[in-house]
Every structure is written in structure tokens, then in C-alpha cells.
Amino acid sequence: MRTTLNLSDDALHVAKHYAMRQQLSLGDAVSALIRTGAQAQAQPTIAAATLRGRFAMLPARDEVITIDHVRELMEREGI
């Protein structure tokens, strides 16, 4: 089905990178990402975090999160 979407720049960037990594067309990548998001929303989660506004407050950890931690996680998650 053909349609037109207005995506924010960051969403388009993620979709293009996903398409490139998975060797998909941009449309197929957007469809896959939407399906994945819909399935994640439909599954109940047991979270140890409490919500404060829009942010989840996680338990304190014994380490400082650095930009290297963030980059490593982004690489693992394929972002």
C-alpha cells in the first residue's frame, strides 16, 4: 500500500539506518519498526522502575554512566 508519512528527522534517521543494516527498503523498515513497537506496547512488562512524569526512575547503581556506556549500548541495540 502506498502512503505518505511526515516523519521527524530523528525517526527518519533511525528508519534509514535500520533499513540499511537489515537490507530492506525504507518502507519495509518502517513497517517492521512499527510492528515491533506495537508488539512491545501490547506485551505487559514488569518494571522495577517508578514513573515520575515522563521519566522512569530506576534503582541507584554503584557505577557512573558515561558516554562510553551509552555508545556501547547503542551499538548493541543497533541504534
Protein backbone atom coordinates (compact mmCIF):
# COMPACT_ATOMS: atom_id res chain seq x y z
CA MET A 1 0.00 0.00 0.00
CA ARG A 2 1.36 3.39 -0.90
CA THR A 3 1.04 6.30 1.52
CA THR A 4 2.85 9.46 2.54
CA LEU A 5 4.23 9.97 6.03
CA ASN A 6 5.70 13.02 7.72
CA LEU A 7 8.45 11.73 9.99
CA SER A 8 10.60 13.69 12.37
CA ASP A 9 14.26 13.88 11.40
CA ASP A 10 15.39 11.53 14.16
CA ALA A 11 12.76 8.90 13.29
CA LEU A 12 13.76 9.03 9.62
CA HIS A 13 17.42 8.66 10.59
CA VAL A 14 16.66 5.56 12.68
CA ALA A 15 14.50 4.04 9.93
CA LYS A 16 17.16 4.62 7.26
CA HIS A 17 19.87 3.04 9.40
CA TYR A 18 17.63 0.08 10.23
CA ALA A 19 16.83 -0.38 6.54
CA MET A 20 20.50 -0.28 5.63
CA ARG A 21 21.50 -2.77 8.35
CA GLN A 22 18.68 -5.18 7.54
CA GLN A 23 18.99 -4.68 3.76
CA LEU A 24 15.35 -3.60 3.47
CA SER A 25 13.59 -0.87 1.60
CA LEU A 26 12.73 2.18 3.69
CA GLY A 27 9.03 1.28 3.57
CA ASP A 28 9.67 -2.27 4.75
CA ALA A 29 11.92 -0.96 7.52
CA VAL A 30 9.28 1.50 8.75
CA SER A 31 6.67 -1.29 8.67
CA ALA A 32 8.93 -3.62 10.67
CA LEU A 33 9.71 -0.93 13.23
CA ILE A 34 6.01 -0.11 13.66
CA ARG A 35 5.16 -3.80 14.13
CA THR A 36 7.96 -4.20 16.67
CA GLY A 37 6.77 -1.14 18.58
CA ALA A 38 3.17 -2.31 18.53
CA GLN A 39 4.14 -5.74 19.87
CA ALA A 40 6.25 -4.19 22.61
CA GLN A 41 3.33 -1.97 23.65
CA ALA A 42 0.92 -4.92 23.68
CA GLN A 43 3.08 -7.07 25.97
CA PRO A 44 2.73 -6.31 29.68
CA THR A 45 6.01 -5.54 31.34
CA ILE A 46 7.10 -5.95 34.91
CA ALA A 47 9.16 -2.89 35.64
CA ALA A 48 11.21 -2.21 38.70
CA ALA A 49 11.09 1.46 37.75
CA THR A 50 8.62 4.00 39.04
CA LEU A 51 7.39 6.73 36.74
CA ARG A 52 7.94 10.34 37.62
CA GLY A 53 6.37 12.44 34.91
CA ARG A 54 7.63 11.07 31.59
CA PHE A 55 10.77 9.55 33.11
CA ALA A 56 11.34 6.17 34.72
CA MET A 57 13.25 6.33 37.97
CA LEU A 58 15.44 3.26 38.23
CA PRO A 59 17.11 2.00 41.39
CA ALA A 60 20.51 3.52 42.20
CA ARG A 61 23.57 1.75 40.78
CA ASP A 62 27.13 1.58 42.01
CA GLU A 63 28.60 2.97 38.81
CA VAL A 64 28.67 6.22 36.92
CA ILE A 65 27.13 6.02 33.44
CA THR A 66 29.50 7.57 30.92
CA ILE A 67 29.19 8.37 27.23
CA ASP A 68 31.16 5.16 26.55
CA HIS A 69 28.42 3.16 28.28
CA VAL A 70 25.81 4.89 26.16
CA ARG A 71 27.73 4.31 22.92
CA GLU A 72 28.26 0.63 23.75
CA LEU A 73 24.55 0.18 24.45
CA MET A 74 23.62 2.00 21.22
CA GLU A 75 25.91 -0.31 19.24
CA ARG A 76 24.42 -3.40 20.91
CA GLU A 77 20.89 -2.18 20.24
CA GLY A 78 21.72 -1.18 16.68
CA ILE A 79 20.89 2.49 17.11
